[in-house]
Amino acid sequence: MCLAIPGQIVEMQPDGATIDTLGVRKRISLALTPSAQVGDWVLVHAGFAIEVVDAEEAAQTIEIVRELGELATEELATNAAETEAVRS
């Protein structure tokens, strides 16, 4: 399974672009999406923009990513509490 995360292009460079994803900026390649421009939302996988998406789809995907992060944090906390209970 692969996971592509949306990012908004904030700056173009001759060899790619800089995107912002959840406040984190990263340089990516636009080799697969040569028509992408500043302001566009792109799905990024392994350092490559693989598709230009609309802002609504990007927002929905970002919300899912945030929810997954919250679930993972809750799971880690539960596991830590259970481990501590077993040790006691």
PDB file of N, CA and C in Angstrom:
ATOM      1  N   MET A   1       0.842  -1.175   0.000  1.00  0.00           N
ATOM      2  CA  MET A   1       0.000   0.000   0.000  1.00  0.00           C
ATOM      3  C   MET A   1       0.887   1.237   0.000  1.00  0.00           C
ATOM      4  N   CYS A   2       0.504   2.208  -0.786  1.00  0.00           N
ATOM      5  CA  CYS A   2       1.249   3.467  -0.765  1.00  0.00           C
ATOM      6  C   CYS A   2       0.322   4.567  -0.264  1.00  0.00           C
ATOM      7  N   LEU A   3       0.925   5.564   0.296  1.00  0.00           N
ATOM      8  CA  LEU A   3       0.183   6.682   0.844  1.00  0.00           C
ATOM      9  C   LEU A   3       0.699   7.957   0.207  1.00  0.00           C
ATOM     10  N   ALA A   4      -0.201   8.709  -0.382  1.00  0.00           N
ATOM     11  CA  ALA A   4       0.155  10.001  -0.969  1.00  0.00           C
ATOM     12  C   ALA A   4      -0.483  11.085  -0.100  1.00  0.00           C
ATOM     13  N   ILE A   5       0.300  12.080   0.239  1.00  0.00           N
ATOM     14  CA  ILE A   5      -0.138  13.168   1.108  1.00  0.00           C
ATOM     15  C   ILE A   5      -0.284  14.440   0.278  1.00  0.00           C
ATOM     16  N   PRO A   6      -1.370  15.197   0.476  1.00  0.00           N
ATOM     17  CA  PRO A   6      -1.513  16.442  -0.274  1.00  0.00           C
ATOM     18  C   PRO A   6      -0.595  17.541   0.256  1.00  0.00           C
ATOM     19  N   GLY A   7      -0.112  18.332  -0.656  1.00  0.00           N
ATOM     20  CA  GLY A   7       0.679  19.508  -0.310  1.00  0.00           C
ATOM     21  C   GLY A   7       0.365  20.615  -1.289  1.00  0.00           C
ATOM     22  N   GLN A   8       0.461  21.830  -0.829  1.00  0.00           N
ATOM     23  CA  GLN A   8       0.210  22.972  -1.703  1.00  0.00           C
ATOM     24  C   GLN A   8       1.539  23.547  -2.166  1.00  0.00           C
ATOM     25  N   ILE A   9       1.644  23.746  -3.458  1.00  0.00           N
ATOM     26  CA  ILE A   9       2.875  24.306  -4.014  1.00  0.00           C
ATOM     27  C   ILE A   9       2.990  25.765  -3.600  1.00  0.00           C
ATOM     28  N   VAL A  10       4.106  26.102  -2.951  1.00  0.00           N
ATOM     29  CA  VAL A  10       4.318  27.472  -2.489  1.00  0.00           C
ATOM     30  C   VAL A  10       5.442  28.176  -3.243  1.00  0.00           C
ATOM     31  N   GLU A  11       6.275  27.379  -3.925  1.00  0.00           N
ATOM     32  CA  GLU A  11       7.395  27.980  -4.657  1.00  0.00           C
ATOM     33  C   GLU A  11       7.839  27.014  -5.752  1.00  0.00           C
ATOM     34  N   MET A  12       8.167  27.567  -6.905  1.00  0.00           N
ATOM     35  CA  MET A  12       8.678  26.754  -8.009  1.00  0.00           C
ATOM     36  C   MET A  12      10.185  26.915  -8.088  1.00  0.00           C
ATOM     37  N   GLN A  13      10.869  25.834  -8.438  1.00  0.00           N
ATOM     38  CA  GLN A  13      12.302  25.858  -8.726  1.00  0.00           C
ATOM     39  C   GLN A  13      12.499  25.240 -10.110  1.00  0.00           C
ATOM     40  N   PRO A  14      13.635  25.457 -10.714  1.00  0.00           N
ATOM     41  CA  PRO A  14      13.871  24.877 -12.038  1.00  0.00           C
ATOM     42  C   PRO A  14      13.747  23.351 -12.064  1.00  0.00           C
ATOM     43  N   ASP A  15      14.093  22.710 -10.958  1.00  0.00           N
ATOM     44  CA  ASP A  15      14.070  21.249 -10.919  1.00  0.00           C
ATOM     45  C   ASP A  15      12.930  20.678 -10.078  1.00  0.00           C
ATOM     46  N   GLY A  16      11.933  21.487  -9.725  1.00  0.00           N
ATOM     47  CA  GLY A  16      10.821  20.992  -8.922  1.00  0.00           C
ATOM     48  C   GLY A  16      10.067  22.116  -8.250  1.00  0.00           C
ATOM     49  N   ALA A  17       9.631  21.858  -7.021  1.00  0.00           N
ATOM     50  CA  ALA A  17       8.839  22.843  -6.292  1.00  0.00           C
ATOM     51  C   ALA A  17       8.996  22.604  -4.798  1.00  0.00           C
ATOM     52  N   THR A  18       8.568  23.599  -4.026  1.00  0.00           N
ATOM     53  CA  THR A  18       8.459  23.467  -2.580  1.00  0.00           C
ATOM     54  C   THR A  18       6.976  23.427  -2.259  1.00  0.00           C
ATOM     55  N   ILE A  19       6.596  22.439  -1.439  1.00  0.00           N
ATOM     56  CA  ILE A  19       5.206  22.337  -1.013  1.00  0.00           C
ATOM     57  C   ILE A  19       5.110  22.569   0.485  1.00  0.00           C
ATOM     58  N   ASP A  20       3.907  22.889   0.918  1.00  0.00           N
ATOM     59  CA  ASP A  20       3.597  22.999   2.340  1.00  0.00           C
ATOM     60  C   ASP A  20       2.537  21.947   2.645  1.00  0.00           C
ATOM     61  N   THR A  21       2.865  21.089   3.600  1.00  0.00           N
ATOM     62  CA  THR A  21       1.923  20.070   4.063  1.00  0.00           C
ATOM     63  C   THR A  21       1.851  20.148   5.574  1.00  0.00           C
ATOM     64  N   LEU A  22       0.705  20.550   6.065  1.00  0.00           N
ATOM     65  CA  LEU A  22       0.498  20.663   7.514  1.00  0.00           C
ATOM     66  C   LEU A  22       1.581  21.501   8.175  1.00  0.00           C
ATOM     67  N   GLY A  23       2.016  22.553   7.507  1.00  0.00           N
ATOM     68  CA  GLY A  23       3.012  23.460   8.054  1.00  0.00           C
ATOM     69  C   GLY A  23       4.449  23.047   7.820  1.00  0.00           C
ATOM     70  N   VAL A  24       4.663  21.901   7.206  1.00  0.00           N
ATOM     71  CA  VAL A  24       6.013  21.420   6.914  1.00  0.00           C
ATOM     72  C   VAL A  24       6.290  21.662   5.436  1.00  0.00           C
ATOM     73  N   ARG A  25       7.433  22.269   5.154  1.00  0.00           N
ATOM     74  CA  ARG A  25       7.811  22.531   3.763  1.00  0.00           C
ATOM     75  C   ARG A  25       8.823  21.503   3.290  1.00  0.00           C
ATOM     76  N   LYS A  26       8.644  21.092   2.043  1.00  0.00           N
ATOM     77  CA  LYS A  26       9.497  20.053   1.482  1.00  0.00           C
ATOM     78  C   LYS A  26       9.661  20.293  -0.009  1.00  0.00           C
ATOM     79  N   ARG A  27      10.872  20.013  -0.518  1.00  0.00           N
ATOM     80  CA  ARG A  27      11.126  20.093  -1.961  1.00  0.00           C
ATOM     81  C   ARG A  27      10.700  18.787  -2.607  1.00  0.00           C
ATOM     82  N   ILE A  28      10.026  18.898  -3.743  1.00  0.00           N
ATOM     83  CA  ILE A  28       9.549  17.722  -4.459  1.00  0.00           C
ATOM     84  C   ILE A  28       9.827  17.855  -5.949  1.00  0.00           C
ATOM     85  N   SER A  29       9.686  16.750  -6.642  1.00  0.00           N
ATOM     86  CA  SER A  29       9.808  16.743  -8.091  1.00  0.00           C
ATOM     87  C   SER A  29       8.423  16.911  -8.721  1.00  0.00           C
ATOM     88  N   LEU A  30       8.382  17.654  -9.811  1.00  0.00           N
ATOM     89  CA  LEU A  30       7.152  17.803 -10.584  1.00  0.00           C
ATOM     90  C   LEU A  30       7.249  17.067 -11.919  1.00  0.00           C
ATOM     91  N   ALA A  31       8.180  16.129 -12.015  1.00  0.00           N
ATOM     92  CA  ALA A  31       8.393  15.412 -13.272  1.00  0.00           C
ATOM     93  C   ALA A  31       7.124  14.716 -13.768  1.00  0.00           C
ATOM     94  N   LEU A  32       6.275  14.269 -12.844  1.00  0.00           N
ATOM     95  CA  LEU A  32       5.051  13.563 -13.230  1.00  0.00           C
ATOM     96  C   LEU A  32       3.848  14.483 -13.374  1.00  0.00           C
ATOM     97  N   THR A  33       3.995  15.731 -12.941  1.00  0.00           N
ATOM     98  CA  THR A  33       2.902  16.719 -13.026  1.00  0.00           C
ATOM     99  C   THR A  33       3.455  18.045 -13.541  1.00  0.00           C
ATOM    100  N   PRO A  34       3.953  18.074 -14.765  1.00  0.00           N
ATOM    101  CA  PRO A  34       4.637  19.271 -15.263  1.00  0.00           C
ATOM    102  C   PRO A  34       3.758  20.515 -15.388  1.00  0.00           C
ATOM    103  N   SER A  35       2.433  20.342 -15.385  1.00  0.00           N
ATOM    104  CA  SER A  35       1.553  21.511 -15.506  1.00  0.00           C
ATOM    105  C   SER A  35       1.244  22.163 -14.159  1.00  0.00           C
ATOM    106  N   ALA A  36       1.670  21.556 -13.049  1.00  0.00           N
ATOM    107  CA  ALA A  36       1.389  22.097 -11.712  1.00  0.00           C
ATOM    108  C   ALA A  36       2.050  23.465 -11.539  1.00  0.00           C
ATOM    109  N   GLN A  37       1.366  24.352 -10.823  1.00  0.00           N
ATOM    110  CA  GLN A  37       1.827  25.724 -10.608  1.00  0.00           C
ATOM    111  C   GLN A  37       1.693  26.108  -9.137  1.00  0.00           C
ATOM    112  N   VAL A  38       2.294  27.233  -8.763  1.00  0.00           N
ATOM    113  CA  VAL A  38       2.161  27.763  -7.404  1.00  0.00           C
ATOM    114  C   VAL A  38       0.673  27.908  -7.078  1.00  0.00           C
ATOM    115  N   GLY A  39       0.305  27.446  -5.889  1.00  0.00           N
ATOM    116  CA  GLY A  39      -1.082  27.493  -5.434  1.00  0.00           C
ATOM    117  C   GLY A  39      -1.824  26.189  -5.656  1.00  0.00           C
ATOM    118  N   ASP A  40      -1.347  25.355  -6.567  1.00  0.00           N
ATOM    119  CA  ASP A  40      -1.989  24.063  -6.815  1.00  0.00           C
ATOM    120  C   ASP A  40      -1.751  23.118  -5.650  1.00  0.00           C
ATOM    121  N   TRP A  41      -2.704  22.225  -5.446  1.00  0.00           N
ATOM    122  CA  TRP A  41      -2.565  21.127  -4.496  1.00  0.00           C
ATOM    123  C   TRP A  41      -2.167  19.890  -5.277  1.00  0.00           C
ATOM    124  N   VAL A  42      -1.186  19.178  -4.770  1.00  0.00           N
ATOM    125  CA  VAL A  42      -0.726  17.958  -5.419  1.00  0.00           C
ATOM    126  C   VAL A  42      -0.642  16.828  -4.392  1.00  0.00           C
ATOM    127  N   LEU A  43      -0.877  15.610  -4.868  1.00  0.00           N
ATOM    128  CA  LEU A  43      -0.642  14.444  -4.032  1.00  0.00           C
ATOM    129  C   LEU A  43       0.815  14.059  -4.192  1.00  0.00           C
ATOM    130  N   VAL A  44       1.511  13.876  -3.073  1.00  0.00           N
ATOM    131  CA  VAL A  44       2.947  13.612  -3.099  1.00  0.00           C
ATOM    132  C   VAL A  44       3.218  12.226  -2.517  1.00  0.00           C
ATOM    133  N   HIS A  45       4.001  11.459  -3.268  1.00  0.00           N
ATOM    134  CA  HIS A  45       4.439  10.142  -2.813  1.00  0.00           C
ATOM    135  C   HIS A  45       5.907   9.980  -3.177  1.00  0.00           C
ATOM    136  N   ALA A  46       6.705   9.622  -2.203  1.00  0.00           N
ATOM    137  CA  ALA A  46       8.133   9.361  -2.409  1.00  0.00           C
ATOM    138  C   ALA A  46       8.847  10.538  -3.072  1.00  0.00           C
ATOM    139  N   GLY A  47       8.446  11.755  -2.701  1.00  0.00           N
ATOM    140  CA  GLY A  47       9.130  12.937  -3.206  1.00  0.00           C
ATOM    141  C   GLY A  47       8.679  13.408  -4.575  1.00  0.00           C
ATOM    142  N   PHE A  48       7.641  12.779  -5.121  1.00  0.00           N
ATOM    143  CA  PHE A  48       7.119  13.158  -6.433  1.00  0.00           C
ATOM    144  C   PHE A  48       5.662  13.567  -6.321  1.00  0.00           C
ATOM    145  N   ALA A  49       5.295  14.666  -6.967  1.00  0.00           N
ATOM    146  CA  ALA A  49       3.883  15.002  -7.115  1.00  0.00           C
ATOM    147  C   ALA A  49       3.337  14.033  -8.161  1.00  0.00           C
ATOM    148  N   ILE A  50       2.315  13.262  -7.784  1.00  0.00           N
ATOM    149  CA  ILE A  50       1.792  12.258  -8.704  1.00  0.00           C
ATOM    150  C   ILE A  50       0.457  12.660  -9.328  1.00  0.00           C
ATOM    151  N   GLU A  51      -0.174  13.707  -8.772  1.00  0.00           N
ATOM    152  CA  GLU A  51      -1.458  14.152  -9.311  1.00  0.00           C
ATOM    153  C   GLU A  51      -1.790  15.534  -8.757  1.00  0.00           C
ATOM    154  N   VAL A  52      -2.371  16.369  -9.591  1.00  0.00           N
ATOM    155  CA  VAL A  52      -2.907  17.652  -9.138  1.00  0.00           C
ATOM    156  C   VAL A  52      -4.348  17.386  -8.696  1.00  0.00           C
ATOM    157  N   VAL A  53      -4.705  17.877  -7.499  1.00  0.00           N
ATOM    158  CA  VAL A  53      -6.056  17.671  -6.962  1.00  0.00           C
ATOM    159  C   VAL A  53      -6.665  19.013  -6.589  1.00  0.00           C
ATOM    160  N   ASP A  54      -7.995  19.038  -6.442  1.00  0.00           N
ATOM    161  CA  ASP A  54      -8.626  20.297  -6.049  1.00  0.00           C
ATOM    162  C   ASP A  54      -8.515  20.486  -4.540  1.00  0.00           C
ATOM    163  N   ALA A  55      -8.744  21.707  -4.097  1.00  0.00           N
ATOM    164  CA  ALA A  55      -8.557  22.072  -2.685  1.00  0.00           C
ATOM    165  C   ALA A  55      -9.475  21.274  -1.766  1.00  0.00           C
ATOM    166  N   GLU A  56     -10.682  20.964  -2.216  1.00  0.00           N
ATOM    167  CA  GLU A  56     -11.626  20.210  -1.379  1.00  0.00           C
ATOM    168  C   GLU A  56     -11.119  18.786  -1.137  1.00  0.00           C
ATOM    169  N   GLU A  57     -10.653  18.130  -2.183  1.00  0.00           N
ATOM    170  CA  GLU A  57     -10.108  16.777  -2.021  1.00  0.00           C
ATOM    171  C   GLU A  57      -8.882  16.799  -1.114  1.00  0.00           C
ATOM    172  N   ALA A  58      -8.038  17.808  -1.285  1.00  0.00           N
ATOM    173  CA  ALA A  58      -6.850  17.932  -0.431  1.00  0.00           C
ATOM    174  C   ALA A  58      -7.257  18.100   1.032  1.00  0.00           C
ATOM    175  N   ALA A  59      -8.247  18.946   1.300  1.00  0.00           N
ATOM    176  CA  ALA A  59      -8.702  19.186   2.672  1.00  0.00           C
ATOM    177  C   ALA A  59      -9.267  17.914   3.294  1.00  0.00           C
ATOM    178  N   GLN A  60     -10.031  17.155   2.520  1.00  0.00           N
ATOM    179  CA  GLN A  60     -10.593  15.898   3.036  1.00  0.00           C
ATOM    180  C   GLN A  60      -9.487  14.908   3.378  1.00  0.00           C
ATOM    181  N   THR A  61      -8.499  14.813   2.519  1.00  0.00           N
ATOM    182  CA  THR A  61      -7.392  13.884   2.756  1.00  0.00           C
ATOM    183  C   THR A  61      -6.577  14.304   3.968  1.00  0.00           C
ATOM    184  N   ILE A  62      -6.315  15.596   4.104  1.00  0.00           N
ATOM    185  CA  ILE A  62      -5.568  16.097   5.263  1.00  0.00           C
ATOM    186  C   ILE A  62      -6.319  15.796   6.552  1.00  0.00           C
ATOM    187  N   GLU A  63      -7.634  15.930   6.539  1.00  0.00           N
ATOM    188  CA  GLU A  63      -8.433  15.623   7.728  1.00  0.00           C
ATOM    189  C   GLU A  63      -8.295  14.142   8.097  1.00  0.00           C
ATOM    190  N   ILE A  64      -8.309  13.275   7.116  1.00  0.00           N
ATOM    191  CA  ILE A  64      -8.134  11.839   7.375  1.00  0.00           C
ATOM    192  C   ILE A  64      -6.754  11.573   7.963  1.00  0.00           C
ATOM    193  N   VAL A  65      -5.733  12.218   7.430  1.00  0.00           N
ATOM    194  CA  VAL A  65      -4.371  12.046   7.953  1.00  0.00           C
ATOM    195  C   VAL A  65      -4.304  12.507   9.406  1.00  0.00           C
ATOM    196  N   ARG A  66      -4.936  13.619   9.714  1.00  0.00           N
ATOM    197  CA  ARG A  66      -4.950  14.101  11.110  1.00  0.00           C
ATOM    198  C   ARG A  66      -5.642  13.091  12.023  1.00  0.00           C
ATOM    199  N   GLU A  67      -6.786  12.551  11.565  1.00  0.00           N
ATOM    200  CA  GLU A  67      -7.513  11.563  12.368  1.00  0.00           C
ATOM    201  C   GLU A  67      -6.671  10.317  12.600  1.00  0.00           C
ATOM    202  N   LEU A  68      -5.956   9.879  11.573  1.00  0.00           N
ATOM    203  CA  LEU A  68      -5.081   8.715  11.727  1.00  0.00           C
ATOM    204  C   LEU A  68      -3.996   8.982  12.769  1.00  0.00           C
ATOM    205  N   GLY A  69      -3.453  10.197  12.751  1.00  0.00           N
ATOM    206  CA  GLY A  69      -2.445  10.569  13.741  1.00  0.00           C
ATOM    207  C   GLY A  69      -3.004  10.541  15.153  1.00  0.00           C
ATOM    208  N   GLU A  70      -4.231  11.034  15.320  1.00  0.00           N
ATOM    209  CA  GLU A  70      -4.862  11.021  16.640  1.00  0.00           C
ATOM    210  C   GLU A  70      -5.118   9.592  17.107  1.00  0.00           C
ATOM    211  N   LEU A  71      -5.575   8.743  16.187  1.00  0.00           N
ATOM    212  CA  LEU A  71      -5.814   7.340  16.538  1.00  0.00           C
ATOM    213  C   LEU A  71      -4.520   6.647  16.944  1.00  0.00           C
ATOM    214  N   ALA A  72      -3.461   6.925  16.215  1.00  0.00           N
ATOM    215  CA  ALA A  72      -2.167   6.311  16.531  1.00  0.00           C
ATOM    216  C   ALA A  72      -1.679   6.763  17.900  1.00  0.00           C
ATOM    217  N   THR A  73      -1.849   8.040  18.215  1.00  0.00           N
ATOM    218  CA  THR A  73      -1.437   8.570  19.514  1.00  0.00           C
ATOM    219  C   THR A  73      -2.233   7.907  20.637  1.00  0.00           C
ATOM    220  N   GLU A  74      -3.540   7.768  20.431  1.00  0.00           N
ATOM    221  CA  GLU A  74      -4.381   7.110  21.435  1.00  0.00           C
ATOM    222  C   GLU A  74      -3.962   5.649  21.623  1.00  0.00           C
ATOM    223  N   GLU A  75      -3.681   4.959  20.527  1.00  0.00           N
ATOM    224  CA  GLU A  75      -3.270   3.559  20.588  1.00  0.00           C
ATOM    225  C   GLU A  75      -1.950   3.415  21.346  1.00  0.00           C
ATOM    226  N   LEU A  76      -1.000   4.299  21.073  1.00  0.00           N
ATOM    227  CA  LEU A  76       0.279   4.251  21.779  1.00  0.00           C
ATOM    228  C   LEU A  76       0.087   4.485  23.275  1.00  0.00           C
ATOM    229  N   ALA A  77      -0.770   5.427  23.630  1.00  0.00           N
ATOM    230  CA  ALA A  77      -1.022   5.715  25.041  1.00  0.00           C
ATOM    231  C   ALA A  77      -1.677   4.518  25.724  1.00  0.00           C
ATOM    232  N   THR A  78      -2.619   3.887  25.045  1.00  0.00           N
ATOM    233  CA  THR A  78      -3.287   2.705  25.603  1.00  0.00           C
ATOM    234  C   THR A  78      -2.289   1.569  25.794  1.00  0.00           C
ATOM    235  N   ASN A  79      -1.462   1.328  24.795  1.00  0.00           N
ATOM    236  CA  ASN A  79      -0.457   0.269  24.894  1.00  0.00           C
ATOM    237  C   ASN A  79       0.526   0.544  26.024  1.00  0.00           C
ATOM    238  N   ALA A  80       0.941   1.784  26.183  1.00  0.00           N
ATOM    239  CA  ALA A  80       1.874   2.131  27.255  1.00  0.00           C
ATOM    240  C   ALA A  80       1.233   1.903  28.617  1.00  0.00           C
ATOM    241  N   ALA A  81      -0.041   2.271  28.758  1.00  0.00           N
ATOM    242  CA  ALA A  81      -0.739   2.069  30.033  1.00  0.00           C
ATOM    243  C   ALA A  81      -0.883   0.586  30.342  1.00  0.00           C
ATOM    244  N   GLU A  82      -1.206  -0.213  29.321  1.00  0.00           N
ATOM    245  CA  GLU A  82      -1.346  -1.658  29.523  1.00  0.00           C
ATOM    246  C   GLU A  82      -0.012  -2.303  29.901  1.00  0.00           C
ATOM    247  N   THR A  83       1.057  -1.860  29.257  1.00  0.00           N
ATOM    248  CA  THR A  83       2.379  -2.381  29.568  1.00  0.00           C
ATOM    249  C   THR A  83       2.771  -2.040  30.992  1.00  0.00           C
ATOM    250  N   GLU A  84       2.478  -0.825  31.410  1.00  0.00           N
ATOM    251  CA  GLU A  84       2.787  -0.407  32.782  1.00  0.00           C
ATOM    252  C   GLU A  84       1.976  -1.203  33.796  1.00  0.00           C
ATOM    253  N   ALA A  85       0.718  -1.486  33.471  1.00  0.00           N
ATOM    254  CA  ALA A  85      -0.127  -2.277  34.378  1.00  0.00           C
ATOM    255  C   ALA A  85       0.417  -3.700  34.524  1.00  0.00           C
ATOM    256  N   VAL A  86       0.903  -4.270  33.446  1.00  0.00           N
ATOM    257  CA  VAL A  86       1.473  -5.628  33.498  1.00  0.00           C
ATOM    258  C   VAL A  86       2.738  -5.646  34.326  1.00  0.00           C
ATOM    259  N   ARG A  87       3.542  -4.594  34.246  1.00  0.00           N
ATOM    260  CA  ARG A  87       4.789  -4.521  35.016  1.00  0.00           C
ATOM    261  C   ARG A  87       4.555  -4.337  36.497  1.00  0.00           C
ATOM    262  N   SER A  88       3.423  -3.742  36.864  1.00  0.00           N
ATOM    263  CA  SER A  88       3.141  -3.424  38.290  1.00  0.00           C
ATOM    264  C   SER A  88       2.707  -4.623  39.081  1.00  0.00           C
TER     265      SER A  88
END
